[in-house]
């Protein structure tokens, strides 16, 4: 039986929500091992002068505890 833990992470990108998600996983992987999945709970964007300038994600990262 595997023991899994979930942490909540916020991340951003100037390009896309997908890149923000990748940034979050890449950064989390520096200290968290055995990442198994990511669940994007929320997406939002910052708008300046009628242009989207930043994409943000609130996600949950699931990893296995060995």
PDB file of N, CA and C in Angstrom:
ATOM      1  N   UNK A   1       0.844  -1.177   0.000  1.00  0.00           N
ATOM      2  CA  UNK A   1       0.000   0.000   0.000  1.00  0.00           C
ATOM      3  C   UNK A   1       0.887   1.237   0.000  1.00  0.00           C
ATOM      4  N   UNK A   2       0.601   2.176  -0.869  1.00  0.00           N
ATOM      5  CA  UNK A   2       1.370   3.415  -0.956  1.00  0.00           C
ATOM      6  C   UNK A   2       0.743   4.493  -0.072  1.00  0.00           C
ATOM      7  N   UNK A   3       1.595   5.293   0.521  1.00  0.00           N
ATOM      8  CA  UNK A   3       1.151   6.449   1.294  1.00  0.00           C
ATOM      9  C   UNK A   3       1.398   7.676   0.422  1.00  0.00           C
ATOM     10  N   UNK A   4       0.329   8.441   0.165  1.00  0.00           N
ATOM     11  CA  UNK A   4       0.421   9.623  -0.675  1.00  0.00           C
ATOM     12  C   UNK A   4       0.145  10.873   0.152  1.00  0.00           C
ATOM     13  N   UNK A   5       0.804  11.959  -0.221  1.00  0.00           N
ATOM     14  CA  UNK A   5       0.602  13.239   0.445  1.00  0.00           C
ATOM     15  C   UNK A   5       0.275  14.278  -0.618  1.00  0.00           C
ATOM     16  N   UNK A   6      -0.534  15.264  -0.257  1.00  0.00           N
ATOM     17  CA  UNK A   6      -0.930  16.322  -1.182  1.00  0.00           C
ATOM     18  C   UNK A   6      -0.508  17.660  -0.603  1.00  0.00           C
ATOM     19  N   UNK A   7       0.136  18.481  -1.442  1.00  0.00           N
ATOM     20  CA  UNK A   7       0.478  19.843  -1.048  1.00  0.00           C
ATOM     21  C   UNK A   7      -0.158  20.802  -2.047  1.00  0.00           C
ATOM     22  N   UNK A   8      -0.457  22.003  -1.585  1.00  0.00           N
ATOM     23  CA  UNK A   8      -1.030  23.022  -2.457  1.00  0.00           C
ATOM     24  C   UNK A   8       0.065  24.006  -2.856  1.00  0.00           C
ATOM     25  N   UNK A   9       0.097  24.336  -4.138  1.00  0.00           N
ATOM     26  CA  UNK A   9       1.151  25.195  -4.682  1.00  0.00           C
ATOM     27  C   UNK A   9       0.521  26.254  -5.582  1.00  0.00           C
ATOM     28  N   UNK A  10       1.063  27.460  -5.522  1.00  0.00           N
ATOM     29  CA  UNK A  10       0.667  28.537  -6.417  1.00  0.00           C
ATOM     30  C   UNK A  10       1.833  28.825  -7.351  1.00  0.00           C
ATOM     31  N   UNK A  11       1.546  29.047  -8.637  1.00  0.00           N
ATOM     32  CA  UNK A  11       2.613  29.338  -9.600  1.00  0.00           C
ATOM     33  C   UNK A  11       2.087  30.276 -10.668  1.00  0.00           C
ATOM     34  N   UNK A  12       3.035  30.891 -11.402  1.00  0.00           N
ATOM     35  CA  UNK A  12       2.635  31.824 -12.444  1.00  0.00           C
ATOM     36  C   UNK A  12       3.538  31.693 -13.667  1.00  0.00           C
ATOM     37  N   UNK A  13       3.087  32.296 -14.760  1.00  0.00           N
ATOM     38  CA  UNK A  13       3.838  32.326 -16.009  1.00  0.00           C
ATOM     39  C   UNK A  13       3.351  33.511 -16.825  1.00  0.00           C
ATOM     40  N   UNK A  14       4.220  34.064 -17.628  1.00  0.00           N
ATOM     41  CA  UNK A  14       3.825  35.132 -18.538  1.00  0.00           C
ATOM     42  C   UNK A  14       3.280  34.568 -19.854  1.00  0.00           C
ATOM     43  N   UNK A  15       3.409  33.246 -20.069  1.00  0.00           N
ATOM     44  CA  UNK A  15       3.024  32.643 -21.350  1.00  0.00           C
ATOM     45  C   UNK A  15       1.692  31.900 -21.325  1.00  0.00           C
ATOM     46  N   UNK A  16       1.504  31.000 -20.307  1.00  0.00           N
ATOM     47  CA  UNK A  16       0.300  30.163 -20.323  1.00  0.00           C
ATOM     48  C   UNK A  16       0.076  29.492 -18.971  1.00  0.00           C
ATOM     49  N   UNK A  17      -1.147  28.954 -18.815  1.00  0.00           N
ATOM     50  CA  UNK A  17      -1.442  28.183 -17.615  1.00  0.00           C
ATOM     51  C   UNK A  17      -0.636  26.881 -17.623  1.00  0.00           C
ATOM     52  N   UNK A  18      -0.448  26.317 -18.785  1.00  0.00           N
ATOM     53  CA  UNK A  18       0.333  25.081 -18.881  1.00  0.00           C
ATOM     54  C   UNK A  18       1.772  25.306 -18.415  1.00  0.00           C
ATOM     55  N   UNK A  19       2.361  26.412 -18.841  1.00  0.00           N
ATOM     56  CA  UNK A  19       3.720  26.700 -18.403  1.00  0.00           C
ATOM     57  C   UNK A  19       3.768  26.977 -16.902  1.00  0.00           C
ATOM     58  N   UNK A  20       2.745  27.634 -16.372  1.00  0.00           N
ATOM     59  CA  UNK A  20       2.684  27.864 -14.931  1.00  0.00           C
ATOM     60  C   UNK A  20       2.649  26.536 -14.182  1.00  0.00           C
ATOM     61  N   UNK A  21       1.891  25.572 -14.705  1.00  0.00           N
ATOM     62  CA  UNK A  21       1.819  24.246 -14.085  1.00  0.00           C
ATOM     63  C   UNK A  21       3.180  23.555 -14.146  1.00  0.00           C
ATOM     64  N   UNK A  22       3.819  23.620 -15.299  1.00  0.00           N
ATOM     65  CA  UNK A  22       5.155  23.026 -15.432  1.00  0.00           C
ATOM     66  C   UNK A  22       6.158  23.688 -14.485  1.00  0.00           C
ATOM     67  N   UNK A  23       6.065  25.004 -14.355  1.00  0.00           N
ATOM     68  CA  UNK A  23       6.950  25.729 -13.429  1.00  0.00           C
ATOM     69  C   UNK A  23       6.755  25.251 -11.998  1.00  0.00           C
ATOM     70  N   UNK A  24       5.509  25.038 -11.605  1.00  0.00           N
ATOM     71  CA  UNK A  24       5.215  24.582 -10.246  1.00  0.00           C
ATOM     72  C   UNK A  24       5.810  23.199  -9.986  1.00  0.00           C
ATOM     73  N   UNK A  25       5.626  22.284 -10.938  1.00  0.00           N
ATOM     74  CA  UNK A  25       6.145  20.932 -10.764  1.00  0.00           C
ATOM     75  C   UNK A  25       7.675  20.955 -10.735  1.00  0.00           C
ATOM     76  N   UNK A  26       8.275  21.719 -11.630  1.00  0.00           N
ATOM     77  CA  UNK A  26       9.732  21.801 -11.685  1.00  0.00           C
ATOM     78  C   UNK A  26      10.305  22.343 -10.384  1.00  0.00           C
ATOM     79  N   UNK A  27       9.681  23.380  -9.849  1.00  0.00           N
ATOM     80  CA  UNK A  27      10.155  23.979  -8.601  1.00  0.00           C
ATOM     81  C   UNK A  27       9.923  23.036  -7.416  1.00  0.00           C
ATOM     82  N   UNK A  28       8.744  22.419  -7.356  1.00  0.00           N
ATOM     83  CA  UNK A  28       8.433  21.499  -6.257  1.00  0.00           C
ATOM     84  C   UNK A  28       9.357  20.293  -6.271  1.00  0.00           C
ATOM     85  N   UNK A  29       9.724  19.826  -7.459  1.00  0.00           N
ATOM     86  CA  UNK A  29      10.570  18.638  -7.580  1.00  0.00           C
ATOM     87  C   UNK A  29      11.970  18.848  -7.009  1.00  0.00           C
ATOM     88  N   UNK A  30      12.348  20.084  -6.763  1.00  0.00           N
ATOM     89  CA  UNK A  30      13.649  20.346  -6.153  1.00  0.00           C
ATOM     90  C   UNK A  30      13.707  19.864  -4.712  1.00  0.00           C
ATOM     91  N   UNK A  31      12.548  19.815  -4.042  1.00  0.00           N
ATOM     92  CA  UNK A  31      12.520  19.375  -2.647  1.00  0.00           C
ATOM     93  C   UNK A  31      11.561  18.213  -2.395  1.00  0.00           C
ATOM     94  N   UNK A  32      10.644  17.973  -3.304  1.00  0.00           N
ATOM     95  CA  UNK A  32       9.663  16.892  -3.147  1.00  0.00           C
ATOM     96  C   UNK A  32       9.987  15.796  -4.158  1.00  0.00           C
ATOM     97  N   UNK A  33      10.103  14.584  -3.685  1.00  0.00           N
ATOM     98  CA  UNK A  33      10.412  13.449  -4.559  1.00  0.00           C
ATOM     99  C   UNK A  33       9.161  12.613  -4.807  1.00  0.00           C
ATOM    100  N   UNK A  34       9.196  11.807  -5.840  1.00  0.00           N
ATOM    101  CA  UNK A  34       8.125  10.855  -6.160  1.00  0.00           C
ATOM    102  C   UNK A  34       6.786  11.521  -6.471  1.00  0.00           C
ATOM    103  N   UNK A  35       6.821  12.641  -7.213  1.00  0.00           N
ATOM    104  CA  UNK A  35       5.575  13.308  -7.610  1.00  0.00           C
ATOM    105  C   UNK A  35       4.820  12.380  -8.555  1.00  0.00           C
ATOM    106  N   UNK A  36       3.540  12.177  -8.259  1.00  0.00           N
ATOM    107  CA  UNK A  36       2.717  11.250  -9.032  1.00  0.00           C
ATOM    108  C   UNK A  36       1.682  11.945  -9.905  1.00  0.00           C
ATOM    109  N   UNK A  37       1.130  13.086  -9.442  1.00  0.00           N
ATOM    110  CA  UNK A  37       0.105  13.753 -10.236  1.00  0.00           C
ATOM    111  C   UNK A  37      -0.059  15.201  -9.795  1.00  0.00           C
ATOM    112  N   UNK A  38      -0.751  15.939 -10.659  1.00  0.00           N
ATOM    113  CA  UNK A  38      -1.045  17.346 -10.392  1.00  0.00           C
ATOM    114  C   UNK A  38      -2.517  17.581 -10.707  1.00  0.00           C
ATOM    115  N   UNK A  39      -3.207  18.254  -9.809  1.00  0.00           N
ATOM    116  CA  UNK A  39      -4.608  18.621 -10.018  1.00  0.00           C
ATOM    117  C   UNK A  39      -4.685  20.141 -10.004  1.00  0.00           C
ATOM    118  N   UNK A  40      -5.098  20.730 -11.121  1.00  0.00           N
ATOM    119  CA  UNK A  40      -5.233  22.181 -11.190  1.00  0.00           C
ATOM    120  C   UNK A  40      -6.590  22.547 -10.599  1.00  0.00           C
ATOM    121  N   UNK A  41      -6.548  23.222  -9.436  1.00  0.00           N
ATOM    122  CA  UNK A  41      -7.775  23.581  -8.733  1.00  0.00           C
ATOM    123  C   UNK A  41      -8.371  24.878  -9.270  1.00  0.00           C
ATOM    124  N   UNK A  42      -7.517  25.846  -9.588  1.00  0.00           N
ATOM    125  CA  UNK A  42      -7.989  27.143 -10.074  1.00  0.00           C
ATOM    126  C   UNK A  42      -7.019  27.716 -11.086  1.00  0.00           C
ATOM    127  N   UNK A  43      -7.560  28.497 -11.993  1.00  0.00           N
ATOM    128  CA  UNK A  43      -6.752  29.252 -12.942  1.00  0.00           C
ATOM    129  C   UNK A  43      -7.228  30.699 -12.890  1.00  0.00           C
ATOM    130  N   UNK A  44      -6.291  31.623 -12.983  1.00  0.00           N
ATOM    131  CA  UNK A  44      -6.652  33.036 -13.042  1.00  0.00           C
ATOM    132  C   UNK A  44      -5.606  33.757 -13.869  1.00  0.00           C
ATOM    133  N   UNK A  45      -5.897  35.008 -14.201  1.00  0.00           N
ATOM    134  CA  UNK A  45      -4.965  35.792 -15.006  1.00  0.00           C
ATOM    135  C   UNK A  45      -4.979  37.240 -14.530  1.00  0.00           C
ATOM    136  N   UNK A  46      -3.853  37.902 -14.720  1.00  0.00           N
ATOM    137  CA  UNK A  46      -3.719  39.320 -14.423  1.00  0.00           C
ATOM    138  C   UNK A  46      -3.822  40.084 -15.740  1.00  0.00           C
ATOM    139  N   UNK A  47      -4.606  41.159 -15.746  1.00  0.00           N
ATOM    140  CA  UNK A  47      -4.801  41.963 -16.946  1.00  0.00           C
ATOM    141  C   UNK A  47      -4.291  43.374 -16.686  1.00  0.00           C
ATOM    142  N   UNK A  48      -3.453  43.854 -17.599  1.00  0.00           N
ATOM    143  CA  UNK A  48      -2.962  45.231 -17.566  1.00  0.00           C
ATOM    144  C   UNK A  48      -3.173  45.851 -18.941  1.00  0.00           C
ATOM    145  N   UNK A  49      -3.789  47.024 -18.981  1.00  0.00           N
ATOM    146  CA  UNK A  49      -4.054  47.721 -20.251  1.00  0.00           C
ATOM    147  C   UNK A  49      -4.763  46.823 -21.262  1.00  0.00           C
ATOM    148  N   UNK A  50      -5.771  46.104 -20.783  1.00  0.00           N
ATOM    149  CA  UNK A  50      -6.598  45.222 -21.615  1.00  0.00           C
ATOM    150  C   UNK A  50      -5.837  44.053 -22.227  1.00  0.00           C
ATOM    151  N   UNK A  51      -4.696  43.708 -21.667  1.00  0.00           N
ATOM    152  CA  UNK A  51      -3.908  42.565 -22.129  1.00  0.00           C
ATOM    153  C   UNK A  51      -3.616  41.630 -20.961  1.00  0.00           C
ATOM    154  N   UNK A  52      -3.719  40.325 -21.194  1.00  0.00           N
ATOM    155  CA  UNK A  52      -3.342  39.355 -20.169  1.00  0.00           C
ATOM    156  C   UNK A  52      -1.819  39.376 -20.062  1.00  0.00           C
ATOM    157  N   UNK A  53      -1.334  39.662 -18.855  1.00  0.00           N
ATOM    158  CA  UNK A  53       0.114  39.765 -18.656  1.00  0.00           C
ATOM    159  C   UNK A  53       0.687  38.646 -17.803  1.00  0.00           C
ATOM    160  N   UNK A  54      -0.184  37.921 -17.119  1.00  0.00           N
ATOM    161  CA  UNK A  54       0.302  36.841 -16.253  1.00  0.00           C
ATOM    162  C   UNK A  54      -0.790  35.798 -16.057  1.00  0.00           C
ATOM    163  N   UNK A  55      -0.392  34.530 -16.174  1.00  0.00           N
ATOM    164  CA  UNK A  55      -1.298  33.407 -15.933  1.00  0.00           C
ATOM    165  C   UNK A  55      -0.930  32.792 -14.589  1.00  0.00           C
ATOM    166  N   UNK A  56      -1.951  32.490 -13.782  1.00  0.00           N
ATOM    167  CA  UNK A  56      -1.701  31.913 -12.460  1.00  0.00           C
ATOM    168  C   UNK A  56      -2.489  30.624 -12.287  1.00  0.00           C
ATOM    169  N   UNK A  57      -1.883  29.681 -11.578  1.00  0.00           N
ATOM    170  CA  UNK A  57      -2.569  28.430 -11.248  1.00  0.00           C
ATOM    171  C   UNK A  57      -2.422  28.145  -9.758  1.00  0.00           C
ATOM    172  N   UNK A  58      -3.463  27.575  -9.215  1.00  0.00           N
ATOM    173  CA  UNK A  58      -3.464  27.050  -7.856  1.00  0.00           C
ATOM    174  C   UNK A  58      -3.649  25.552  -8.040  1.00  0.00           C
ATOM    175  N   UNK A  59      -2.639  24.778  -7.673  1.00  0.00           N
ATOM    176  CA  UNK A  59      -2.749  23.344  -7.940  1.00  0.00           C
ATOM    177  C   UNK A  59      -2.353  22.521  -6.729  1.00  0.00           C
ATOM    178  N   UNK A  60      -2.738  21.255  -6.803  1.00  0.00           N
ATOM    179  CA  UNK A  60      -2.395  20.290  -5.750  1.00  0.00           C
ATOM    180  C   UNK A  60      -1.468  19.255  -6.363  1.00  0.00           C
ATOM    181  N   UNK A  61      -0.338  19.066  -5.706  1.00  0.00           N
ATOM    182  CA  UNK A  61       0.650  18.081  -6.152  1.00  0.00           C
ATOM    183  C   UNK A  61       0.587  16.891  -5.219  1.00  0.00           C
ATOM    184  N   UNK A  62       0.427  15.710  -5.811  1.00  0.00           N
ATOM    185  CA  UNK A  62       0.367  14.473  -5.043  1.00  0.00           C
ATOM    186  C   UNK A  62       1.697  13.733  -5.217  1.00  0.00           C
ATOM    187  N   UNK A  63       2.250  13.298  -4.091  1.00  0.00           N
ATOM    188  CA  UNK A  63       3.510  12.555  -4.156  1.00  0.00           C
ATOM    189  C   UNK A  63       3.485  11.404  -3.171  1.00  0.00           C
ATOM    190  N   UNK A  64       4.283  10.400  -3.482  1.00  0.00           N
ATOM    191  CA  UNK A  64       4.339   9.198  -2.655  1.00  0.00           C
ATOM    192  C   UNK A  64       5.411   9.351  -1.585  1.00  0.00           C
ATOM    193  N   UNK A  65       5.068   8.968  -0.375  1.00  0.00           N
ATOM    194  CA  UNK A  65       6.025   8.962   0.735  1.00  0.00           C
ATOM    195  C   UNK A  65       6.574   7.548   0.847  1.00  0.00           C
ATOM    196  N   UNK A  66       7.879   7.446   0.784  1.00  0.00           N
ATOM    197  CA  UNK A  66       8.498   6.110   0.859  1.00  0.00           C
ATOM    198  C   UNK A  66       8.980   5.828   2.260  1.00  0.00           C
TER     199      UNK A  66
END
